[in-house]
């Protein structure tokens, strides 16, 4: 049996989030054929994110990307 899982990732742009996902897919437990759906929305309540280059070391998220994927083990 496979399990459906979802991760909401806050970020400054969709491109930035998808690039990070591509680089860190193994950490999220997402295999090559496991990605099911991707949804994007504005961050209605922005989160503070660490950013070494930003003044004060943080910035606010602008978008949330929800990534739905299959996994073999329960979360």
PDB file of N, CA and C in Angstrom:
ATOM      1  N   UNK A   1       0.837  -1.176   0.000  1.00  0.00           N
ATOM      2  CA  UNK A   1       0.000   0.000   0.000  1.00  0.00           C
ATOM      3  C   UNK A   1       0.884   1.241   0.000  1.00  0.00           C
ATOM      4  N   UNK A   2       0.469   2.234  -0.753  1.00  0.00           N
ATOM      5  CA  UNK A   2       1.193   3.500  -0.774  1.00  0.00           C
ATOM      6  C   UNK A   2       0.382   4.543  -0.021  1.00  0.00           C
ATOM      7  N   UNK A   3       1.062   5.558   0.474  1.00  0.00           N
ATOM      8  CA  UNK A   3       0.442   6.598   1.274  1.00  0.00           C
ATOM      9  C   UNK A   3       0.592   7.941   0.584  1.00  0.00           C
ATOM     10  N   UNK A   4      -0.455   8.744   0.627  1.00  0.00           N
ATOM     11  CA  UNK A   4      -0.401  10.091   0.074  1.00  0.00           C
ATOM     12  C   UNK A   4       0.106  11.027   1.159  1.00  0.00           C
ATOM     13  N   UNK A   5       1.065  11.872   0.816  1.00  0.00           N
ATOM     14  CA  UNK A   5       1.655  12.805   1.775  1.00  0.00           C
ATOM     15  C   UNK A   5       1.672  14.195   1.157  1.00  0.00           C
ATOM     16  N   UNK A   6       1.799  15.204   1.989  1.00  0.00           N
ATOM     17  CA  UNK A   6       1.801  16.594   1.516  1.00  0.00           C
ATOM     18  C   UNK A   6       2.779  17.407   2.348  1.00  0.00           C
ATOM     19  N   UNK A   7       3.472  18.318   1.697  1.00  0.00           N
ATOM     20  CA  UNK A   7       4.350  19.272   2.377  1.00  0.00           C
ATOM     21  C   UNK A   7       4.008  20.674   1.893  1.00  0.00           C
ATOM     22  N   UNK A   8       3.817  21.603   2.822  1.00  0.00           N
ATOM     23  CA  UNK A   8       3.654  23.017   2.500  1.00  0.00           C
ATOM     24  C   UNK A   8       4.999  23.685   2.716  1.00  0.00           C
ATOM     25  N   UNK A   9       5.521  24.304   1.675  1.00  0.00           N
ATOM     26  CA  UNK A   9       6.827  24.932   1.754  1.00  0.00           C
ATOM     27  C   UNK A   9       6.674  26.428   1.502  1.00  0.00           C
ATOM     28  N   UNK A  10       7.060  27.240   2.475  1.00  0.00           N
ATOM     29  CA  UNK A  10       7.023  28.699   2.344  1.00  0.00           C
ATOM     30  C   UNK A  10       8.291  29.170   1.644  1.00  0.00           C
ATOM     31  N   UNK A  11       8.167  30.207   0.834  1.00  0.00           N
ATOM     32  CA  UNK A  11       9.337  30.756   0.167  1.00  0.00           C
ATOM     33  C   UNK A  11       9.065  32.115  -0.438  1.00  0.00           C
ATOM     34  N   UNK A  12      10.110  32.684  -1.027  1.00  0.00           N
ATOM     35  CA  UNK A  12      10.000  34.007  -1.645  1.00  0.00           C
ATOM     36  C   UNK A  12       9.403  33.933  -3.041  1.00  0.00           C
ATOM     37  N   UNK A  13       9.612  32.795  -3.738  1.00  0.00           N
ATOM     38  CA  UNK A  13       9.066  32.632  -5.087  1.00  0.00           C
ATOM     39  C   UNK A  13       8.866  31.144  -5.372  1.00  0.00           C
ATOM     40  N   UNK A  14       7.996  30.867  -6.328  1.00  0.00           N
ATOM     41  CA  UNK A  14       7.759  29.479  -6.723  1.00  0.00           C
ATOM     42  C   UNK A  14       9.041  28.869  -7.274  1.00  0.00           C
ATOM     43  N   UNK A  15       9.764  29.647  -8.074  1.00  0.00           N
ATOM     44  CA  UNK A  15      11.001  29.139  -8.660  1.00  0.00           C
ATOM     45  C   UNK A  15      12.005  28.728  -7.592  1.00  0.00           C
ATOM     46  N   UNK A  16      12.140  29.558  -6.563  1.00  0.00           N
ATOM     47  CA  UNK A  16      13.075  29.262  -5.476  1.00  0.00           C
ATOM     48  C   UNK A  16      12.679  27.968  -4.762  1.00  0.00           C
ATOM     49  N   UNK A  17      11.401  27.799  -4.505  1.00  0.00           N
ATOM     50  CA  UNK A  17      10.933  26.602  -3.809  1.00  0.00           C
ATOM     51  C   UNK A  17      11.138  25.359  -4.662  1.00  0.00           C
ATOM     52  N   UNK A  18      10.800  25.431  -5.947  1.00  0.00           N
ATOM     53  CA  UNK A  18      10.940  24.270  -6.818  1.00  0.00           C
ATOM     54  C   UNK A  18      12.413  23.897  -7.016  1.00  0.00           C
ATOM     55  N   UNK A  19      13.280  24.894  -7.039  1.00  0.00           N
ATOM     56  CA  UNK A  19      14.720  24.623  -7.134  1.00  0.00           C
ATOM     57  C   UNK A  19      15.204  23.895  -5.885  1.00  0.00           C
ATOM     58  N   UNK A  20      14.763  24.375  -4.710  1.00  0.00           N
ATOM     59  CA  UNK A  20      15.138  23.721  -3.457  1.00  0.00           C
ATOM     60  C   UNK A  20      14.595  22.296  -3.419  1.00  0.00           C
ATOM     61  N   UNK A  21      13.351  22.120  -3.851  1.00  0.00           N
ATOM     62  CA  UNK A  21      12.762  20.787  -3.872  1.00  0.00           C
ATOM     63  C   UNK A  21      13.568  19.848  -4.757  1.00  0.00           C
ATOM     64  N   UNK A  22      13.971  20.331  -5.903  1.00  0.00           N
ATOM     65  CA  UNK A  22      14.757  19.518  -6.825  1.00  0.00           C
ATOM     66  C   UNK A  22      16.074  19.083  -6.192  1.00  0.00           C
ATOM     67  N   UNK A  23      16.708  19.997  -5.474  1.00  0.00           N
ATOM     68  CA  UNK A  23      17.994  19.706  -4.838  1.00  0.00           C
ATOM     69  C   UNK A  23      17.854  18.795  -3.618  1.00  0.00           C
ATOM     70  N   UNK A  24      16.734  18.922  -2.900  1.00  0.00           N
ATOM     71  CA  UNK A  24      16.579  18.215  -1.624  1.00  0.00           C
ATOM     72  C   UNK A  24      15.469  17.169  -1.643  1.00  0.00           C
ATOM     73  N   UNK A  25      15.105  16.694  -2.816  1.00  0.00           N
ATOM     74  CA  UNK A  25      13.999  15.756  -2.955  1.00  0.00           C
ATOM     75  C   UNK A  25      14.197  14.509  -2.099  1.00  0.00           C
ATOM     76  N   UNK A  26      15.403  13.998  -2.025  1.00  0.00           N
ATOM     77  CA  UNK A  26      15.673  12.804  -1.217  1.00  0.00           C
ATOM     78  C   UNK A  26      15.398  13.059   0.266  1.00  0.00           C
ATOM     79  N   UNK A  27      15.716  14.262   0.744  1.00  0.00           N
ATOM     80  CA  UNK A  27      15.448  14.604   2.141  1.00  0.00           C
ATOM     81  C   UNK A  27      13.959  14.616   2.438  1.00  0.00           C
ATOM     82  N   UNK A  28      13.156  15.019   1.461  1.00  0.00           N
ATOM     83  CA  UNK A  28      11.699  15.032   1.621  1.00  0.00           C
ATOM     84  C   UNK A  28      11.096  13.649   1.409  1.00  0.00           C
ATOM     85  N   UNK A  29      11.892  12.702   0.924  1.00  0.00           N
ATOM     86  CA  UNK A  29      11.398  11.354   0.685  1.00  0.00           C
ATOM     87  C   UNK A  29      10.584  11.218  -0.583  1.00  0.00           C
ATOM     88  N   UNK A  30      10.882  12.028  -1.591  1.00  0.00           N
ATOM     89  CA  UNK A  30      10.128  12.021  -2.839  1.00  0.00           C
ATOM     90  C   UNK A  30      10.988  11.402  -3.932  1.00  0.00           C
ATOM     91  N   UNK A  31      10.549  10.248  -4.456  1.00  0.00           N
ATOM     92  CA  UNK A  31      11.259   9.574  -5.532  1.00  0.00           C
ATOM     93  C   UNK A  31      10.920  10.175  -6.886  1.00  0.00           C
ATOM     94  N   UNK A  32      11.572   9.681  -7.931  1.00  0.00           N
ATOM     95  CA  UNK A  32      11.388  10.205  -9.288  1.00  0.00           C
ATOM     96  C   UNK A  32       9.946  10.150  -9.767  1.00  0.00           C
ATOM     97  N   UNK A  33       9.229   9.066  -9.446  1.00  0.00           N
ATOM     98  CA  UNK A  33       7.863   8.895  -9.940  1.00  0.00           C
ATOM     99  C   UNK A  33       6.800   9.141  -8.873  1.00  0.00           C
ATOM    100  N   UNK A  34       7.179   9.741  -7.750  1.00  0.00           N
ATOM    101  CA  UNK A  34       6.260   9.891  -6.625  1.00  0.00           C
ATOM    102  C   UNK A  34       5.471  11.200  -6.605  1.00  0.00           C
ATOM    103  N   UNK A  35       5.918  12.203  -7.308  1.00  0.00           N
ATOM    104  CA  UNK A  35       5.257  13.509  -7.282  1.00  0.00           C
ATOM    105  C   UNK A  35       3.867  13.382  -7.888  1.00  0.00           C
ATOM    106  N   UNK A  36       2.860  13.852  -7.162  1.00  0.00           N
ATOM    107  CA  UNK A  36       1.474  13.689  -7.573  1.00  0.00           C
ATOM    108  C   UNK A  36       0.876  15.006  -8.054  1.00  0.00           C
ATOM    109  N   UNK A  37       1.075  16.076  -7.291  1.00  0.00           N
ATOM    110  CA  UNK A  37       0.470  17.362  -7.625  1.00  0.00           C
ATOM    111  C   UNK A  37       1.231  18.494  -6.933  1.00  0.00           C
ATOM    112  N   UNK A  38       1.191  19.661  -7.556  1.00  0.00           N
ATOM    113  CA  UNK A  38       1.810  20.856  -6.983  1.00  0.00           C
ATOM    114  C   UNK A  38       0.781  21.978  -7.042  1.00  0.00           C
ATOM    115  N   UNK A  39       0.600  22.677  -5.932  1.00  0.00           N
ATOM    116  CA  UNK A  39      -0.364  23.771  -5.843  1.00  0.00           C
ATOM    117  C   UNK A  39       0.341  24.990  -5.250  1.00  0.00           C
ATOM    118  N   UNK A  40       0.007  26.170  -5.756  1.00  0.00           N
ATOM    119  CA  UNK A  40       0.658  27.409  -5.303  1.00  0.00           C
ATOM    120  C   UNK A  40      -0.401  28.387  -4.805  1.00  0.00           C
ATOM    121  N   UNK A  41      -0.085  29.068  -3.697  1.00  0.00           N
ATOM    122  CA  UNK A  41      -0.978  30.118  -3.184  1.00  0.00           C
ATOM    123  C   UNK A  41      -0.145  31.207  -2.514  1.00  0.00           C
ATOM    124  N   UNK A  42      -0.747  32.386  -2.384  1.00  0.00           N
ATOM    125  CA  UNK A  42      -0.084  33.477  -1.671  1.00  0.00           C
ATOM    126  C   UNK A  42      -0.001  33.137  -0.188  1.00  0.00           C
ATOM    127  N   UNK A  43       1.028  33.612   0.447  1.00  0.00           N
ATOM    128  CA  UNK A  43       1.187  33.408   1.887  1.00  0.00           C
ATOM    129  C   UNK A  43       0.349  34.467   2.606  1.00  0.00           C
ATOM    130  N   UNK A  44      -0.865  34.114   2.991  1.00  0.00           N
ATOM    131  CA  UNK A  44      -1.771  35.051   3.661  1.00  0.00           C
ATOM    132  C   UNK A  44      -1.192  35.518   4.995  1.00  0.00           C
ATOM    133  N   UNK A  45      -0.517  34.610   5.688  1.00  0.00           N
ATOM    134  CA  UNK A  45       0.176  34.943   6.927  1.00  0.00           C
ATOM    135  C   UNK A  45       1.636  34.556   6.744  1.00  0.00           C
ATOM    136  N   UNK A  46       2.436  35.468   6.178  1.00  0.00           N
ATOM    137  CA  UNK A  46       3.835  35.159   5.868  1.00  0.00           C
ATOM    138  C   UNK A  46       4.620  34.709   7.097  1.00  0.00           C
ATOM    139  N   UNK A  47       5.501  33.762   6.879  1.00  0.00           N
ATOM    140  CA  UNK A  47       6.405  33.283   7.921  1.00  0.00           C
ATOM    141  C   UNK A  47       7.760  33.957   7.761  1.00  0.00           C
ATOM    142  N   UNK A  48       8.460  34.123   8.847  1.00  0.00           N
ATOM    143  CA  UNK A  48       9.830  34.619   8.781  1.00  0.00           C
ATOM    144  C   UNK A  48      10.732  33.467   8.376  1.00  0.00           C
ATOM    145  N   UNK A  49      11.613  33.727   7.418  1.00  0.00           N
ATOM    146  CA  UNK A  49      12.551  32.718   6.929  1.00  0.00           C
ATOM    147  C   UNK A  49      13.967  33.235   7.119  1.00  0.00           C
ATOM    148  N   UNK A  50      14.872  32.342   7.476  1.00  0.00           N
ATOM    149  CA  UNK A  50      16.273  32.709   7.624  1.00  0.00           C
ATOM    150  C   UNK A  50      16.856  33.056   6.259  1.00  0.00           C
ATOM    151  N   UNK A  51      17.583  34.148   6.203  1.00  0.00           N
ATOM    152  CA  UNK A  51      18.289  34.549   4.981  1.00  0.00           C
ATOM    153  C   UNK A  51      19.507  35.347   5.406  1.00  0.00           C
ATOM    154  N   UNK A  52      20.670  34.762   5.266  1.00  0.00           N
ATOM    155  CA  UNK A  52      21.910  35.391   5.694  1.00  0.00           C
ATOM    156  C   UNK A  52      22.179  36.696   4.955  1.00  0.00           C
ATOM    157  N   UNK A  53      21.646  36.838   3.736  1.00  0.00           N
ATOM    158  CA  UNK A  53      21.900  38.037   2.932  1.00  0.00           C
ATOM    159  C   UNK A  53      20.918  39.171   3.217  1.00  0.00           C
ATOM    160  N   UNK A  54      19.816  38.868   3.872  1.00  0.00           N
ATOM    161  CA  UNK A  54      18.788  39.886   4.137  1.00  0.00           C
ATOM    162  C   UNK A  54      19.152  40.709   5.364  1.00  0.00           C
ATOM    163  N   UNK A  55      18.710  41.959   5.419  1.00  0.00           N
ATOM    164  CA  UNK A  55      18.940  42.779   6.618  1.00  0.00           C
ATOM    165  C   UNK A  55      18.280  42.114   7.832  1.00  0.00           C
ATOM    166  N   UNK A  56      19.014  41.970   8.899  1.00  0.00           N
ATOM    167  CA  UNK A  56      18.490  41.332  10.100  1.00  0.00           C
ATOM    168  C   UNK A  56      18.506  39.815  10.046  1.00  0.00           C
ATOM    169  N   UNK A  57      18.923  39.248   8.917  1.00  0.00           N
ATOM    170  CA  UNK A  57      19.048  37.798   8.809  1.00  0.00           C
ATOM    171  C   UNK A  57      17.772  37.039   8.512  1.00  0.00           C
ATOM    172  N   UNK A  58      16.683  37.772   8.215  1.00  0.00           N
ATOM    173  CA  UNK A  58      15.445  37.068   7.885  1.00  0.00           C
ATOM    174  C   UNK A  58      14.628  37.867   6.877  1.00  0.00           C
ATOM    175  N   UNK A  59      13.687  37.171   6.244  1.00  0.00           N
ATOM    176  CA  UNK A  59      12.751  37.806   5.323  1.00  0.00           C
ATOM    177  C   UNK A  59      11.425  37.074   5.427  1.00  0.00           C
ATOM    178  N   UNK A  60      10.374  37.643   4.900  1.00  0.00           N
ATOM    179  CA  UNK A  60       9.031  37.057   4.967  1.00  0.00           C
ATOM    180  C   UNK A  60       8.741  36.241   3.714  1.00  0.00           C
ATOM    181  N   UNK A  61       8.023  35.136   3.895  1.00  0.00           N
ATOM    182  CA  UNK A  61       7.620  34.328   2.744  1.00  0.00           C
ATOM    183  C   UNK A  61       6.539  35.072   1.957  1.00  0.00           C
ATOM    184  N   UNK A  62       6.488  34.809   0.651  1.00  0.00           N
ATOM    185  CA  UNK A  62       5.494  35.437  -0.220  1.00  0.00           C
ATOM    186  C   UNK A  62       4.523  34.424  -0.802  1.00  0.00           C
ATOM    187  N   UNK A  63       4.979  33.188  -0.963  1.00  0.00           N
ATOM    188  CA  UNK A  63       4.145  32.129  -1.531  1.00  0.00           C
ATOM    189  C   UNK A  63       4.286  30.848  -0.703  1.00  0.00           C
ATOM    190  N   UNK A  64       3.300  29.979  -0.867  1.00  0.00           N
ATOM    191  CA  UNK A  64       3.350  28.644  -0.282  1.00  0.00           C
ATOM    192  C   UNK A  64       3.118  27.662  -1.423  1.00  0.00           C
ATOM    193  N   UNK A  65       4.002  26.698  -1.543  1.00  0.00           N
ATOM    194  CA  UNK A  65       3.844  25.645  -2.538  1.00  0.00           C
ATOM    195  C   UNK A  65       3.500  24.367  -1.775  1.00  0.00           C
ATOM    196  N   UNK A  66       2.337  23.794  -2.106  1.00  0.00           N
ATOM    197  CA  UNK A  66       1.923  22.517  -1.523  1.00  0.00           C
ATOM    198  C   UNK A  66       2.298  21.420  -2.498  1.00  0.00           C
ATOM    199  N   UNK A  67       3.056  20.454  -2.017  1.00  0.00           N
ATOM    200  CA  UNK A  67       3.534  19.359  -2.848  1.00  0.00           C
ATOM    201  C   UNK A  67       2.908  18.065  -2.335  1.00  0.00           C
ATOM    202  N   UNK A  68       2.145  17.423  -3.192  1.00  0.00           N
ATOM    203  CA  UNK A  68       1.505  16.156  -2.865  1.00  0.00           C
ATOM    204  C   UNK A  68       2.289  15.040  -3.540  1.00  0.00           C
ATOM    205  N   UNK A  69       2.591  13.995  -2.793  1.00  0.00           N
ATOM    206  CA  UNK A  69       3.388  12.908  -3.353  1.00  0.00           C
ATOM    207  C   UNK A  69       3.050  11.595  -2.671  1.00  0.00           C
ATOM    208  N   UNK A  70       3.398  10.498  -3.350  1.00  0.00           N
ATOM    209  CA  UNK A  70       3.211   9.154  -2.813  1.00  0.00           C
ATOM    210  C   UNK A  70       4.454   8.745  -2.049  1.00  0.00           C
ATOM    211  N   UNK A  71       4.237   7.977  -0.985  1.00  0.00           N
ATOM    212  CA  UNK A  71       5.365   7.396  -0.269  1.00  0.00           C
ATOM    213  C   UNK A  71       5.029   5.964   0.105  1.00  0.00           C
ATOM    214  N   UNK A  72       6.056   5.161   0.275  1.00  0.00           N
ATOM    215  CA  UNK A  72       5.867   3.741   0.559  1.00  0.00           C
ATOM    216  C   UNK A  72       5.624   3.464   2.036  1.00  0.00           C
ATOM    217  N   UNK A  73       6.118   4.339   2.898  1.00  0.00           N
ATOM    218  CA  UNK A  73       5.979   4.168   4.343  1.00  0.00           C
ATOM    219  C   UNK A  73       5.099   5.275   4.908  1.00  0.00           C
ATOM    220  N   UNK A  74       4.342   4.999   5.965  1.00  0.00           N
ATOM    221  CA  UNK A  74       3.552   6.067   6.599  1.00  0.00           C
ATOM    222  C   UNK A  74       4.486   7.129   7.197  1.00  0.00           C
ATOM    223  N   UNK A  75       4.014   8.352   7.221  1.00  0.00           N
ATOM    224  CA  UNK A  75       4.825   9.465   7.737  1.00  0.00           C
ATOM    225  C   UNK A  75       4.993   9.400   9.229  1.00  0.00           C
TER     226      UNK A  75
END
